[in-house]
């Protein structure tokens, strides 16, 4: 199964990429974004869009969880056959 990442993970990755590039401004310029937008994402004032995620090498996928699995501590819910 593939490992999932949440928004905070992508923000952490963005922070590292900006550091590797030398600045938020430099990373933003390299990717055709405004430095203010990149800063807003890093500060949690803007959400990571699908296009922004793609710039980081990710894509958004929606997953669903079985609420019975979440409620149970002893493992996956039993499914009727």
Protein backbone atom coordinates (compact mmCIF):
# COMPACT_ATOMS: atom_id res chain seq x y z
CA UNK A 1 0.00 0.00 0.00
CA UNK A 2 1.21 3.50 -0.80
CA UNK A 3 2.12 5.85 2.02
CA UNK A 4 -0.10 8.89 2.29
CA UNK A 5 0.91 12.42 3.16
CA UNK A 6 -1.16 15.13 4.75
CA UNK A 7 -1.07 18.89 4.16
CA UNK A 8 1.46 19.43 6.96
CA UNK A 9 3.80 16.88 5.36
CA UNK A 10 3.68 18.82 2.08
CA UNK A 11 4.31 22.09 3.92
CA UNK A 12 7.35 20.49 5.56
CA UNK A 13 8.56 19.28 2.16
CA UNK A 14 8.02 22.76 0.70
CA UNK A 15 10.03 24.27 3.56
CA UNK A 16 12.92 21.90 2.81
CA UNK A 17 12.74 22.61 -0.94
CA UNK A 18 12.85 26.36 -0.27
CA UNK A 19 15.87 25.88 1.99
CA UNK A 20 17.59 23.76 -0.67
CA UNK A 21 16.89 26.48 -3.25
CA UNK A 22 18.17 29.15 -0.88
CA UNK A 23 14.96 31.07 -0.32
CA UNK A 24 11.19 31.04 -0.64
CA UNK A 25 11.51 33.76 -3.25
CA UNK A 26 13.88 31.67 -5.36
CA UNK A 27 11.69 28.56 -5.18
CA UNK A 28 8.61 30.63 -6.04
CA UNK A 29 10.35 32.22 -9.04
CA UNK A 30 11.54 28.83 -10.30
CA UNK A 31 7.96 27.56 -10.25
CA UNK A 32 6.15 30.63 -11.58
CA UNK A 33 4.53 31.53 -8.27
CA UNK A 34 4.54 34.70 -6.24
CA UNK A 35 6.71 34.66 -3.12
CA UNK A 36 3.69 35.91 -1.13
CA UNK A 37 1.65 32.86 -2.21
CA UNK A 38 4.43 30.46 -1.21
CA UNK A 39 4.76 32.22 2.14
CA UNK A 40 1.00 32.03 2.68
CA UNK A 41 1.10 28.26 2.09
CA UNK A 42 4.00 27.87 4.49
CA UNK A 43 2.18 29.91 7.15
CA UNK A 44 -1.06 27.94 6.71
CA UNK A 45 -3.00 30.94 5.38
CA UNK A 46 -3.60 29.22 2.01
CA UNK A 47 -4.34 25.59 1.28
CA UNK A 48 -2.18 23.51 -1.01
CA UNK A 49 -3.97 23.33 -4.35
CA UNK A 50 -3.79 20.35 -6.67
CA UNK A 51 -1.48 22.33 -8.96
CA UNK A 52 0.76 23.34 -6.07
CA UNK A 53 0.96 19.71 -4.92
CA UNK A 54 1.95 18.72 -8.46
CA UNK A 55 4.85 21.19 -8.33
CA UNK A 56 6.08 19.27 -5.30
CA UNK A 57 5.63 15.94 -7.12
CA UNK A 58 2.39 14.88 -5.44
CA UNK A 59 -1.23 14.44 -6.43
CA UNK A 60 -4.33 14.70 -4.27
CA UNK A 61 -6.34 11.51 -3.79
CA UNK A 62 -9.44 11.20 -1.69
CA UNK A 63 -9.69 8.14 0.53
CA UNK A 64 -12.47 6.86 2.71
CA UNK A 65 -12.15 5.14 6.07
CA UNK A 66 -14.53 2.59 7.53
CA UNK A 67 -15.87 4.36 10.63
CA UNK A 68 -16.21 1.00 12.37
CA UNK A 69 -12.46 0.47 11.90
CA UNK A 70 -11.78 3.82 13.50
CA UNK A 71 -14.08 3.09 16.44
CA UNK A 72 -12.69 -0.40 17.12
CA UNK A 73 -9.38 -0.88 18.82
CA UNK A 74 -9.04 -4.57 18.02
CA UNK A 75 -8.69 -4.35 14.24
CA UNK A 76 -10.68 -4.03 11.02
CA UNK A 77 -14.45 -4.28 11.09
CA UNK A 78 -15.96 -7.59 10.08
CA UNK A 79 -17.67 -7.36 6.70
CA UNK A 80 -20.74 -9.39 5.86
CA UNK A 81 -20.17 -11.99 3.17
